[in-house]
C-alpha atoms as a PDB file:
ATOM      1  CA  MET A   1     208.726 192.446 144.911  1.00  0.00           C
ATOM      2  CA  GLN A   2     210.221 195.661 146.298  1.00  0.00           C
ATOM      3  CA  ASN A   3     208.599 197.614 149.116  1.00  0.00           C
ATOM      4  CA  GLU A   4     208.482 201.347 148.382  1.00  0.00           C
ATOM      5  CA  LEU A   5     207.251 204.138 150.661  1.00  0.00           C
ATOM      6  CA  ASN A   6     205.235 207.097 149.457  1.00  0.00           C
ATOM      7  CA  GLN A   7     205.824 210.595 150.793  1.00  0.00           C
ATOM      8  CA  GLU A   8     203.104 210.340 153.468  1.00  0.00           C
ATOM      9  CA  GLU A   9     204.597 207.146 154.867  1.00  0.00           C
ATOM     10  CA  ILE A  10     208.063 208.691 154.906  1.00  0.00           C
ATOM     11  CA  ASP A  11     206.725 211.765 156.781  1.00  0.00           C
ATOM     12  CA  ALA A  12     205.005 209.487 159.285  1.00  0.00           C
ATOM     13  CA  MET A  13     208.237 207.605 159.930  1.00  0.00           C
ATOM     14  CA  VAL A  14     210.091 210.883 160.510  1.00  0.00           C
ATOM     15  CA  ARG A  15     207.433 212.090 162.958  1.00  0.00           C
ATOM     16  CA  ALA A  16     207.536 208.777 164.789  1.00  0.00           C
ATOM     17  CA  ALA A  17     211.308 209.003 165.135  1.00  0.00           C
ATOM     18  CA  ARG A  18     211.044 212.521 166.577  1.00  0.00           C
ATOM     19  CA  THR A  19     208.291 211.672 169.086  1.00  0.00           C
ATOM     20  CA  GLY A  20     209.734 208.372 170.200  1.00  0.00           C
ATOM     21  CA  GLY A  21     206.992 206.330 168.587  1.00  0.00           C
ATOM     22  CA  ARG A  22     204.070 208.314 170.052  1.00  0.00           C
ATOM     23  CA  THR A  23     201.144 209.660 168.101  1.00  0.00           C
ATOM     24  CA  ASP A  24     200.086 213.326 168.046  1.00  0.00           C
ATOM     25  CA  SER A  25     197.693 212.616 170.949  1.00  0.00           C
ATOM     26  CA  GLY A  26     200.603 211.460 173.117  1.00  0.00           C
ATOM     27  CA  GLN A  27     199.455 207.837 173.223  1.00  0.00           C
ATOM     28  CA  PRO A  28     201.893 205.063 172.310  1.00  0.00           C
ATOM     29  CA  ARG A  29     201.393 203.794 168.778  1.00  0.00           C
ATOM     30  CA  GLU A  30     200.265 200.222 168.380  1.00  0.00           C
ATOM     31  CA  PRO A  31     203.051 198.098 166.886  1.00  0.00           C
ATOM     32  CA  HIS A  32     202.398 197.000 163.317  1.00  0.00           C
ATOM     33  CA  VAL A  33     203.528 193.445 162.594  1.00  0.00           C
ATOM     34  CA  GLU A  34     203.862 192.028 159.072  1.00  0.00           C
ATOM     35  CA  PRO A  35     204.810 188.493 158.085  1.00  0.00           C
ATOM     36  CA  TRP A  36     208.295 188.394 156.524  1.00  0.00           C
ATOM     37  CA  ASP A  37     208.603 186.776 153.132  1.00  0.00           C
ATOM     38  CA  VAL A  38     212.045 185.200 152.831  1.00  0.00           C
ATOM     39  CA  ARG A  39     211.767 185.377 149.041  1.00  0.00           C
ATOM     40  CA  ARG A  40     212.085 189.184 149.237  1.00  0.00           C
ATOM     41  CA  ALA A  41     215.551 189.013 150.770  1.00  0.00           C
ATOM     42  CA  GLY A  42     218.285 190.319 148.478  1.00  0.00           C
ATOM     43  CA  GLN A  43     215.917 191.849 145.936  1.00  0.00           C
ATOM     44  CA  ILE A  44     217.323 194.828 144.060  1.00  0.00           C
ATOM     45  CA  GLY A  45     215.574 198.166 143.713  1.00  0.00           C
ATOM     46  CA  ARG A  46     214.332 199.865 140.604  1.00  0.00           C
ATOM     47  CA  GLU A  47     217.398 202.034 140.083  1.00  0.00           C
ATOM     48  CA  GLN A  48     219.724 199.079 140.519  1.00  0.00           C
ATOM     49  CA  LEU A  49     217.598 196.956 138.203  1.00  0.00           C
ATOM     50  CA  ARG A  50     217.731 199.737 135.622  1.00  0.00           C
ATOM     51  CA  ALA A  51     221.538 199.734 135.787  1.00  0.00           C
ATOM     52  CA  ILE A  52     221.676 195.944 135.363  1.00  0.00           C
ATOM     53  CA  THR A  53     219.221 196.204 132.456  1.00  0.00           C
ATOM     54  CA  GLN A  54     221.230 198.893 130.655  1.00  0.00           C
ATOM     55  CA  LEU A  55     224.401 196.842 131.012  1.00  0.00           C
ATOM     56  CA  HIS A  56     222.855 193.734 129.458  1.00  0.00           C
ATOM     57  CA  GLU A  57     221.110 195.705 126.736  1.00  0.00           C
ATOM     58  CA  GLY A  58     224.655 196.611 125.704  1.00  0.00           C
ATOM     59  CA  PHE A  59     225.537 192.909 125.759  1.00  0.00           C
ATOM     60  CA  ALA A  60     222.533 192.181 123.501  1.00  0.00           C
ATOM     61  CA  ARG A  61     223.787 194.731 120.968  1.00  0.00           C
ATOM     62  CA  SER A  62     227.271 193.226 121.138  1.00  0.00           C
ATOM     63  CA  LEU A  63     225.880 189.733 120.594  1.00  0.00           C
ATOM     64  CA  THR A  64     223.820 190.984 117.641  1.00  0.00           C
ATOM     65  CA  THR A  65     226.985 192.222 115.937  1.00  0.00           C
ATOM     66  CA  ALA A  66     229.140 189.204 116.803  1.00  0.00           C
ATOM     67  CA  LEU A  67     226.694 186.461 115.777  1.00  0.00           C
ATOM     68  CA  GLY A  68     225.443 188.412 112.774  1.00  0.00           C
ATOM     69  CA  THR A  69     229.041 188.545 111.517  1.00  0.00           C
ATOM     70  CA  TYR A  70     229.669 184.891 112.344  1.00  0.00           C
ATOM     71  CA  LEU A  71     226.475 183.587 110.719  1.00  0.00           C
ATOM     72  CA  ARG A  72     226.453 186.157 107.876  1.00  0.00           C
ATOM     73  CA  VAL A  73     222.731 186.767 108.230  1.00  0.00           C
ATOM     74  CA  VAL A  74     220.584 189.384 109.905  1.00  0.00           C
ATOM     75  CA  PHE A  75     220.630 188.365 113.557  1.00  0.00           C
ATOM     76  CA  SER A  76     219.273 190.243 116.552  1.00  0.00           C
ATOM     77  CA  ALA A  77     219.193 189.801 120.302  1.00  0.00           C
ATOM     78  CA  ALA A  78     217.135 191.846 122.766  1.00  0.00           C
ATOM     79  CA  LEU A  79     216.916 191.761 126.552  1.00  0.00           C
ATOM     80  CA  VAL A  80     213.448 190.710 127.730  1.00  0.00           C
ATOM     81  CA  SER A  81     213.902 190.572 131.507  1.00  0.00           C
ATOM     82  CA  ALA A  82     216.453 190.638 134.322  1.00  0.00           C
ATOM     83  CA  GLU A  83     215.247 189.352 137.663  1.00  0.00           C
ATOM     84  CA  HIS A  84     216.245 187.561 140.834  1.00  0.00           C
ATOM     85  CA  LEU A  85     214.849 184.048 141.168  1.00  0.00           C
ATOM     86  CA  SER A  86     215.681 180.827 142.910  1.00  0.00           C
ATOM     87  CA  TYR A  87     217.531 178.358 140.706  1.00  0.00           C
ATOM     88  CA  HIS A  88     214.594 175.978 141.136  1.00  0.00           C
ATOM     89  CA  GLU A  89     212.276 178.554 139.549  1.00  0.00           C
ATOM     90  CA  PHE A  90     214.686 178.911 136.632  1.00  0.00           C
ATOM     91  CA  THR A  91     214.910 175.163 135.952  1.00  0.00           C
ATOM     92  CA  ASP A  92     211.119 174.810 136.201  1.00  0.00           C
ATOM     93  CA  ARG A  93     210.843 177.111 133.176  1.00  0.00           C
ATOM     94  CA  LEU A  94     213.154 175.018 130.972  1.00  0.00           C
ATOM     95  CA  PRO A  95     211.532 173.189 128.036  1.00  0.00           C
ATOM     96  CA  GLU A  96     211.718 169.401 128.097  1.00  0.00           C
ATOM     97  CA  THR A  97     213.797 169.410 124.906  1.00  0.00           C
ATOM     98  CA  THR A  98     216.357 172.204 124.695  1.00  0.00           C
ATOM     99  CA  TYR A  99     220.063 173.048 124.487  1.00  0.00           C
ATOM    100  CA  LEU A 100     221.516 173.514 127.969  1.00  0.00           C
ATOM    101  CA  ALA A 101     225.134 174.240 128.844  1.00  0.00           C
ATOM    102  CA  ALA A 102     227.124 174.705 132.036  1.00  0.00           C
ATOM    103  CA  ILE A 103     229.378 177.778 132.218  1.00  0.00           C
ATOM    104  CA  LYS A 104     231.982 178.808 134.768  1.00  0.00           C
ATOM    105  CA  LEU A 105     232.841 182.318 135.926  1.00  0.00           C
ATOM    106  CA  GLU A 106     236.543 182.734 136.600  1.00  0.00           C
ATOM    107  CA  PRO A 107     238.247 183.703 138.858  1.00  0.00           C
ATOM    108  CA  MET A 108     235.142 183.607 141.083  1.00  0.00           C
ATOM    109  CA  GLY A 109     235.012 179.829 140.572  1.00  0.00           C
ATOM    110  CA  VAL A 110     231.197 179.763 140.461  1.00  0.00           C
ATOM    111  CA  HIS A 111     228.959 178.097 137.882  1.00  0.00           C
ATOM    112  CA  GLY A 112     225.995 179.162 135.834  1.00  0.00           C
ATOM    113  CA  ALA A 113     223.671 177.791 133.167  1.00  0.00           C
ATOM    114  CA  LEU A 114     222.897 178.858 129.606  1.00  0.00           C
ATOM    115  CA  GLN A 115     219.801 177.690 127.710  1.00  0.00           C
ATOM    116  CA  LEU A 116     219.046 178.134 123.990  1.00  0.00           C
ATOM    117  CA  ASP A 117     215.749 177.229 122.357  1.00  0.00           C
ATOM    118  CA  LEU A 118     216.068 174.519 119.718  1.00  0.00           C
ATOM    119  CA  LYS A 119     213.816 176.501 117.370  1.00  0.00           C
ATOM    120  CA  VAL A 120     216.811 178.873 117.081  1.00  0.00           C
ATOM    121  CA  ALA A 121     219.574 176.269 117.352  1.00  0.00           C
ATOM    122  CA  PHE A 122     218.431 174.233 114.324  1.00  0.00           C
ATOM    123  CA  PRO A 123     218.362 177.172 111.832  1.00  0.00           C
ATOM    124  CA  ILE A 124     221.834 178.137 113.090  1.00  0.00           C
ATOM    125  CA  LEU A 125     222.986 174.567 112.430  1.00  0.00           C
ATOM    126  CA  ASP A 126     221.502 174.667 108.946  1.00  0.00           C
ATOM    127  CA  LEU A 127     223.304 177.938 108.172  1.00  0.00           C
ATOM    128  CA  LEU A 128     226.679 176.737 109.430  1.00  0.00           C
ATOM    129  CA  LEU A 129     226.339 173.518 107.445  1.00  0.00           C
ATOM    130  CA  GLY A 130     225.802 175.475 104.222  1.00  0.00           C
ATOM    131  CA  GLY A 131     222.009 175.611 104.192  1.00  0.00           C
ATOM    132  CA  GLU A 132     219.575 178.508 104.039  1.00  0.00           C
ATOM    133  CA  GLY A 133     218.804 178.601 107.745  1.00  0.00           C
ATOM    134  CA  LYS A 134     215.493 176.815 107.552  1.00  0.00           C
ATOM    135  CA  GLY A 135     214.002 175.639 110.810  1.00  0.00           C
ATOM    136  CA  LEU A 136     213.984 171.891 111.349  1.00  0.00           C
ATOM    137  CA  GLY A 137     211.870 169.845 113.704  1.00  0.00           C
ATOM    138  CA  ALA A 138     212.673 171.054 117.218  1.00  0.00           C
ATOM    139  CA  SER A 139     211.218 167.920 118.816  1.00  0.00           C
ATOM    140  CA  ARG A 140     214.452 165.921 118.498  1.00  0.00           C
ATOM    141  CA  GLU A 141     217.716 166.311 120.387  1.00  0.00           C
ATOM    142  CA  ILE A 142     220.916 167.743 118.937  1.00  0.00           C
ATOM    143  CA  THR A 143     223.177 164.930 117.741  1.00  0.00           C
ATOM    144  CA  GLU A 144     226.809 164.380 118.695  1.00  0.00           C
ATOM    145  CA  ILE A 145     227.891 165.627 115.263  1.00  0.00           C
ATOM    146  CA  GLU A 146     225.824 168.806 115.589  1.00  0.00           C
ATOM    147  CA  ASP A 147     226.897 169.440 119.178  1.00  0.00           C
ATOM    148  CA  PRO A 148     230.332 171.028 118.417  1.00  0.00           C
ATOM    149  CA  ILE A 149     228.700 173.352 115.871  1.00  0.00           C
ATOM    150  CA  VAL A 150     226.216 174.729 118.383  1.00  0.00           C
ATOM    151  CA  GLU A 151     229.014 174.883 120.946  1.00  0.00           C
ATOM    152  CA  SER A 152     230.932 177.286 118.688  1.00  0.00           C
ATOM    153  CA  VAL A 153     227.966 179.688 118.862  1.00  0.00           C
ATOM    154  CA  VAL A 154     227.649 179.310 122.642  1.00  0.00           C
ATOM    155  CA  ARG A 155     231.347 180.110 123.025  1.00  0.00           C
ATOM    156  CA  ILE A 156     230.742 183.393 121.195  1.00  0.00           C
ATOM    157  CA  VAL A 157     227.925 184.143 123.665  1.00  0.00           C
ATOM    158  CA  CYS A 158     230.345 183.430 126.545  1.00  0.00           C
ATOM    159  CA  ARG A 159     232.993 185.664 124.996  1.00  0.00           C
ATOM    160  CA  GLU A 160     230.608 188.584 124.610  1.00  0.00           C
ATOM    161  CA  LEU A 161     229.387 188.101 128.188  1.00  0.00           C
ATOM    162  CA  GLY A 162     232.991 188.362 129.336  1.00  0.00           C
ATOM    163  CA  HIS A 163     233.306 191.653 127.440  1.00  0.00           C
ATOM    164  CA  ALA A 164     230.104 192.966 129.062  1.00  0.00           C
ATOM    165  CA  TRP A 165     231.383 192.030 132.536  1.00  0.00           C
ATOM    166  CA  ARG A 166     234.911 193.308 131.916  1.00  0.00           C
ATOM    167  CA  ALA A 167     234.576 195.830 134.762  1.00  0.00           C
ATOM    168  CA  VAL A 168     234.576 192.994 137.312  1.00  0.00           C
ATOM    169  CA  ARG A 169     237.310 191.112 135.416  1.00  0.00           C
ATOM    170  CA  LEU A 170     235.348 187.942 134.841  1.00  0.00           C
ATOM    171  CA  GLU A 171     236.016 185.323 132.191  1.00  0.00           C
ATOM    172  CA  VAL A 172     233.020 183.262 131.103  1.00  0.00           C
ATOM    173  CA  VAL A 173     234.168 179.735 130.277  1.00  0.00           C
ATOM    174  CA  PHE A 174     232.074 177.169 128.438  1.00  0.00           C
ATOM    175  CA  GLU A 175     232.276 173.879 130.338  1.00  0.00           C
ATOM    176  CA  LYS A 176     229.977 171.317 128.751  1.00  0.00           C
ATOM    177  CA  ARG A 177     226.574 170.647 127.322  1.00  0.00           C
ATOM    178  CA  MET A 178     224.088 169.135 129.780  1.00  0.00           C
ATOM    179  CA  GLU A 179     220.830 167.262 129.589  1.00  0.00           C
ATOM    180  CA  PRO A 180     217.932 169.118 131.280  1.00  0.00           C
ATOM    181  CA  ALA A 181     217.867 166.382 133.935  1.00  0.00           C
ATOM    182  CA  GLU A 182     221.451 167.352 134.885  1.00  0.00           C
ATOM    183  CA  ALA A 183     220.611 171.016 135.503  1.00  0.00           C
ATOM    184  CA  HIS A 184     220.341 170.507 139.277  1.00  0.00           C
ATOM    185  CA  ARG A 185     224.079 169.710 139.406  1.00  0.00           C
ATOM    186  CA  VAL A 186     225.080 173.257 138.493  1.00  0.00           C
ATOM    187  CA  MET A 187     223.655 175.023 141.551  1.00  0.00           C
ATOM    188  CA  SER A 188     221.534 174.276 144.565  1.00  0.00           C
ATOM    189  CA  PRO A 189     217.767 174.520 143.840  1.00  0.00           C
ATOM    190  CA  SER A 190     217.327 177.081 146.624  1.00  0.00           C
ATOM    191  CA  GLU A 191     220.256 179.273 145.530  1.00  0.00           C
ATOM    192  CA  LYS A 192     219.299 182.776 144.484  1.00  0.00           C
ATOM    193  CA  ILE A 193     220.308 183.681 140.936  1.00  0.00           C
ATOM    194  CA  LEU A 194     220.236 186.527 138.466  1.00  0.00           C
ATOM    195  CA  SER A 195     218.077 185.352 135.561  1.00  0.00           C
ATOM    196  CA  LEU A 196     218.632 187.083 132.206  1.00  0.00           C
ATOM    197  CA  SER A 197     216.198 186.374 129.373  1.00  0.00           C
ATOM    198  CA  PHE A 198     216.841 187.422 125.774  1.00  0.00           C
ATOM    199  CA  GLU A 199     214.813 187.069 122.606  1.00  0.00           C
ATOM    200  CA  VAL A 200     216.989 186.145 119.641  1.00  0.00           C
ATOM    201  CA  SER A 201     215.874 186.071 116.030  1.00  0.00           C
ATOM    202  CA  LEU A 202     217.384 185.228 112.669  1.00  0.00           C
ATOM    203  CA  LEU A 203     215.643 185.173 109.338  1.00  0.00           C
ATOM    204  CA  GLU A 204     212.012 184.397 110.281  1.00  0.00           C
ATOM    205  CA  VAL A 205     212.706 182.434 113.470  1.00  0.00           C
ATOM    206  CA  ARG A 206     212.436 183.718 117.043  1.00  0.00           C
ATOM    207  CA  GLY A 207     213.391 181.991 120.257  1.00  0.00           C
ATOM    208  CA  GLY A 208     214.814 182.401 123.716  1.00  0.00           C
ATOM    209  CA  LEU A 209     218.308 182.596 125.174  1.00  0.00           C
ATOM    210  CA  ASN A 210     218.333 182.403 128.973  1.00  0.00           C
ATOM    211  CA  LEU A 211     221.142 182.736 131.489  1.00  0.00           C
ATOM    212  CA  ALA A 212     221.281 181.880 135.167  1.00  0.00           C
ATOM    213  CA  VAL A 213     224.240 183.102 137.234  1.00  0.00           C
ATOM    214  CA  PRO A 214     224.704 183.392 141.010  1.00  0.00           C
ATOM    215  CA  VAL A 215     223.228 186.516 142.551  1.00  0.00           C
ATOM    216  CA  SER A 216     226.699 187.386 143.860  1.00  0.00           C
ATOM    217  CA  LEU A 217     227.566 188.443 140.301  1.00  0.00           C
ATOM    218  CA  SER A 218     224.793 191.044 140.173  1.00  0.00           C
ATOM    219  CA  HIS A 219     225.912 192.376 143.569  1.00  0.00           C
ATOM    220  CA  ALA A 220     229.490 192.671 142.278  1.00  0.00           C
ATOM    221  CA  LEU A 221     228.278 194.493 139.161  1.00  0.00           C
ATOM    222  CA  LEU A 222     226.154 196.862 141.257  1.00  0.00           C
ATOM    223  CA  ARG A 223     229.072 197.678 143.537  1.00  0.00           C
ATOM    224  CA  LYS A 224     231.179 198.472 140.485  1.00  0.00           C
ATOM    225  CA  ILE A 225     228.422 200.610 138.985  1.00  0.00           C
ATOM    226  CA  SER A 226     228.140 202.554 142.244  1.00  0.00           C
ATOM    227  CA  ALA A 227     231.900 203.031 142.438  1.00  0.00           C
ATOM    228  CA  ASP A 228     232.455 204.048 138.805  1.00  0.00           C
ATOM    229  CA  PRO A 229     229.435 204.061 136.476  1.00  0.00           C
ATOM    230  CA  SER A 230     231.645 204.849 133.459  1.00  0.00           C
ATOM    231  CA  ASP A 231     233.200 201.360 133.635  1.00  0.00           C
ATOM    232  CA  LEU A 232     229.925 199.758 132.561  1.00  0.00           C
ATOM    233  CA  ARG A 233     228.686 202.231 129.983  1.00  0.00           C
ATOM    234  CA  PRO A 234     227.791 200.731 126.607  1.00  0.00           C
ATOM    235  CA  ARG A 235     230.597 200.959 124.120  1.00  0.00           C
ATOM    236  CA  ARG A 236     230.546 203.856 121.714  1.00  0.00           C
ATOM    237  CA  HIS A 237     230.224 203.424 117.972  1.00  0.00           C
ATOM    238  CA  SER A 238     233.922 204.235 117.520  1.00  0.00           C
ATOM    239  CA  GLU A 239     234.852 201.301 119.768  1.00  0.00           C
ATOM    240  CA  TRP A 240     232.801 198.933 117.616  1.00  0.00           C
ATOM    241  CA  ARG A 241     234.554 200.243 114.518  1.00  0.00           C
ATOM    242  CA  GLU A 242     237.919 199.501 116.115  1.00  0.00           C
ATOM    243  CA  ARG A 243     236.824 195.953 116.952  1.00  0.00           C
ATOM    244  CA  LEU A 244     235.551 195.447 113.404  1.00  0.00           C
ATOM    245  CA  LYS A 245     238.857 196.744 112.015  1.00  0.00           C
ATOM    246  CA  CYS A 246     240.739 194.272 114.197  1.00  0.00           C
ATOM    247  CA  ARG A 247     238.574 191.430 112.912  1.00  0.00           C
ATOM    248  CA  LEU A 248     239.221 192.460 109.304  1.00  0.00           C
ATOM    249  CA  LEU A 249     242.970 192.569 109.899  1.00  0.00           C
ATOM    250  CA  GLU A 250     242.826 188.855 110.734  1.00  0.00           C
ATOM    251  CA  CYS A 251     241.034 187.888 107.497  1.00  0.00           C
ATOM    252  CA  GLY A 252     242.957 185.985 104.829  1.00  0.00           C
ATOM    253  CA  PHE A 253     243.142 187.020 101.149  1.00  0.00           C
ATOM    254  CA  PRO A 254     244.680 185.295  98.105  1.00  0.00           C
ATOM    255  CA  LEU A 255     248.125 186.698  97.286  1.00  0.00           C
ATOM    256  CA  ASP A 256     250.097 186.484  94.001  1.00  0.00           C
ATOM    257  CA  LEU A 257     253.404 187.745  92.635  1.00  0.00           C
ATOM    258  CA  GLU A 258     252.883 188.443  88.940  1.00  0.00           C
ATOM    259  CA  VAL A 259     255.057 189.519  86.024  1.00  0.00           C
ATOM    260  CA  ASN A 260     253.112 191.218  83.255  1.00  0.00           C
ATOM    261  CA  GLY A 261     253.965 191.135  79.578  1.00  0.00           C
ATOM    262  CA  LEU A 262     255.585 187.676  79.418  1.00  0.00           C
ATOM    263  CA  SER A 263     255.332 185.616  76.233  1.00  0.00           C
ATOM    264  CA  ALA A 264     256.554 182.320  74.814  1.00  0.00           C
ATOM    265  CA  THR A 265     256.274 180.675  71.397  1.00  0.00           C
ATOM    266  CA  VAL A 266     254.035 177.702  70.718  1.00  0.00           C
ATOM    267  CA  GLY A 267     257.120 175.633  69.946  1.00  0.00           C
ATOM    268  CA  GLU A 268     258.628 176.415  73.349  1.00  0.00           C
ATOM    269  CA  LEU A 269     255.398 175.488  75.104  1.00  0.00           C
ATOM    270  CA  ALA A 270     255.029 172.270  73.134  1.00  0.00           C
ATOM    271  CA  GLY A 271     258.567 171.280  73.988  1.00  0.00           C
ATOM    272  CA  MET A 272     258.211 171.643  77.771  1.00  0.00           C
ATOM    273  CA  THR A 273     259.347 168.638  79.801  1.00  0.00           C
ATOM    274  CA  PRO A 274     259.666 168.055  83.571  1.00  0.00           C
ATOM    275  CA  GLY A 275     262.931 169.580  84.754  1.00  0.00           C
ATOM    276  CA  GLY A 276     263.312 171.750  81.661  1.00  0.00           C
ATOM    277  CA  LEU A 277     263.662 175.546  81.636  1.00  0.00           C
ATOM    278  CA  LEU A 278     261.299 177.900  79.834  1.00  0.00           C
ATOM    279  CA  PRO A 279     263.054 181.178  78.963  1.00  0.00           C
ATOM    280  CA  LEU A 280     260.730 184.144  79.521  1.00  0.00           C
ATOM    281  CA  ARG A 281     262.956 186.814  77.948  1.00  0.00           C
ATOM    282  CA  ARG A 282     262.486 189.139  80.904  1.00  0.00           C
ATOM    283  CA  ASN A 283     265.225 190.577  83.098  1.00  0.00           C
ATOM    284  CA  ALA A 284     264.974 189.115  86.644  1.00  0.00           C
ATOM    285  CA  THR A 285     266.080 192.383  88.282  1.00  0.00           C
ATOM    286  CA  PRO A 286     262.976 194.625  87.840  1.00  0.00           C
ATOM    287  CA  PRO A 287     260.280 194.243  90.513  1.00  0.00           C
ATOM    288  CA  VAL A 288     257.027 192.395  89.938  1.00  0.00           C
ATOM    289  CA  SER A 289     253.476 193.182  91.007  1.00  0.00           C
ATOM    290  CA  LEU A 290     252.024 192.009  94.313  1.00  0.00           C
ATOM    291  CA  MET A 291     248.354 191.193  93.732  1.00  0.00           C
ATOM    292  CA  VAL A 292     245.915 190.939  96.670  1.00  0.00           C
ATOM    293  CA  ALA A 293     242.582 189.340  95.724  1.00  0.00           C
ATOM    294  CA  GLY A 294     243.282 190.232  92.094  1.00  0.00           C
ATOM    295  CA  VAL A 295     244.082 193.903  92.819  1.00  0.00           C
ATOM    296  CA  GLU A 296     247.605 195.269  92.321  1.00  0.00           C
ATOM    297  CA  MET A 297     248.694 196.711  95.668  1.00  0.00           C
ATOM    298  CA  LEU A 298     252.432 197.408  95.344  1.00  0.00           C
ATOM    299  CA  SER A 299     255.713 196.231  93.803  1.00  0.00           C
ATOM    300  CA  ALA A 300     257.980 193.556  95.263  1.00  0.00           C
ATOM    301  CA  LEU A 301     260.845 191.192  94.548  1.00  0.00           C
ATOM    302  CA  PRO A 302     260.611 187.408  94.863  1.00  0.00           C
ATOM    303  CA  ALA A 303     262.494 186.274  97.981  1.00  0.00           C
ATOM    304  CA  ARG A 304     262.911 183.332 100.316  1.00  0.00           C
ATOM    305  CA  VAL A 305     262.693 183.013 104.103  1.00  0.00           C
ATOM    306  CA  GLY A 306     264.157 179.635 105.004  1.00  0.00           C
ATOM    307  CA  SER A 307     262.153 177.061 103.077  1.00  0.00           C
ATOM    308  CA  LEU A 308     259.240 179.480 102.475  1.00  0.00           C
ATOM    309  CA  ARG A 309     258.614 181.705  99.501  1.00  0.00           C
ATOM    310  CA  ALA A 310     258.332 185.403 100.308  1.00  0.00           C
ATOM    311  CA  ALA A 311     258.039 188.849  98.763  1.00  0.00           C
ATOM    312  CA  GLN A 312     260.382 191.730  99.559  1.00  0.00           C
ATOM    313  CA  LEU A 313     258.204 194.837  99.481  1.00  0.00           C
ATOM    314  CA  LEU A 314     259.641 197.816  97.605  1.00  0.00           C
ATOM    315  CA  ASP A 315     256.769 200.276  97.596  1.00  0.00           C
ATOM    316  CA  PHE A 316     254.503 200.403 100.695  1.00  0.00           C
ATOM    317  CA  PRO A 317     251.602 202.893 100.513  1.00  0.00           C
ATOM    318  CA  GLY A 318     251.372 205.127 103.583  1.00  0.00           C
ATOM    319  CA  GLN A 319     247.660 204.501 104.036  1.00  0.00           C
ATOM    320  CA  MET A 320     248.221 200.808 104.811  1.00  0.00           C
ATOM    321  CA  LYS A 321     248.590 200.391 108.569  1.00  0.00           C
ATOM    322  CA  THR A 322     249.357 197.432 110.747  1.00  0.00           C
ATOM    323  CA  GLY A 323     247.118 196.226 113.562  1.00  0.00           C
ATOM    324  CA  GLU A 324     249.297 197.280 116.480  1.00  0.00           C
ATOM    325  CA  ASP A 325     246.264 198.759 118.335  1.00  0.00           C
ATOM    326  CA  CYS A 326     244.435 195.433 118.231  1.00  0.00           C
ATOM    327  CA  THR A 327     246.683 193.670 120.705  1.00  0.00           C
ATOM    328  CA  GLY A 328     244.646 192.400 123.598  1.00  0.00           C
ATOM    329  CA  SER A 329     241.313 193.176 121.976  1.00  0.00           C
ATOM    330  CA  GLY A 330     240.188 189.560 122.403  1.00  0.00           C
ATOM    331  CA  MET A 331     239.058 189.338 118.801  1.00  0.00           C
END
């Protein structure tokens, strides 16, 4: 809860400061005593909460793009709440059967927790194992074989969190999967945390993704927002296009060197033996075609680099660019 004063209360405080705590009648004002609730300490105001919310709404959009690309289905993530809690309150909300992981924030050297509902984890498993993403029974635990598959998704979540918190130069490192009974080892039950809750959905399944990080992180983010709000603005559409271009530049495609118009007689083909030569009646000097995914891109000559086969490019279209701007993009 956050105490807020209305205009009348503010005016009264100003009058009291000017009169030395006396009322208009000149009589000393009776002191007003309120019990102090220790749980209110460190709470953030509405404006600060709005800044934290906007930052993590940007993270939700980033995660939507990253996991949608990784899973190749329509995936969405949306921020539901951002609040300060005790770690004990966070762990009390955890389902009995769930996916729970410990994360570490470097270089701060502090730990946090990440929880994913199994109703979402099992369709993700089914998709990554070649299925249609159908939900399985969420009453069982994730097996040791399934664990590394879910971990690959959690590492993407950690990576996108690191991008969202880039202004404070934090790296989010996946440490290990935990059982819910081990959650108390991450932080002290009384430690104050920033709790971030997201609703994630894919296909027809919806579930929760929850994060618990030390409250010191939210204070660091707020200080950075106050110092330079532009550092934490959501990325523009052009930035996402650059990231997508960098991802595409890392994709592999089948490559062939082809010579068109070759022919041989049936007798020559029937007489082929291991170690024999098949004359193709084509001069070896003219260039051949370099085919990328079945499409002729340019001309080249067969070449060798050490023990590897290569192609010496002869005609390089000007519109084909290298990915020099993608260095350090983290993709």
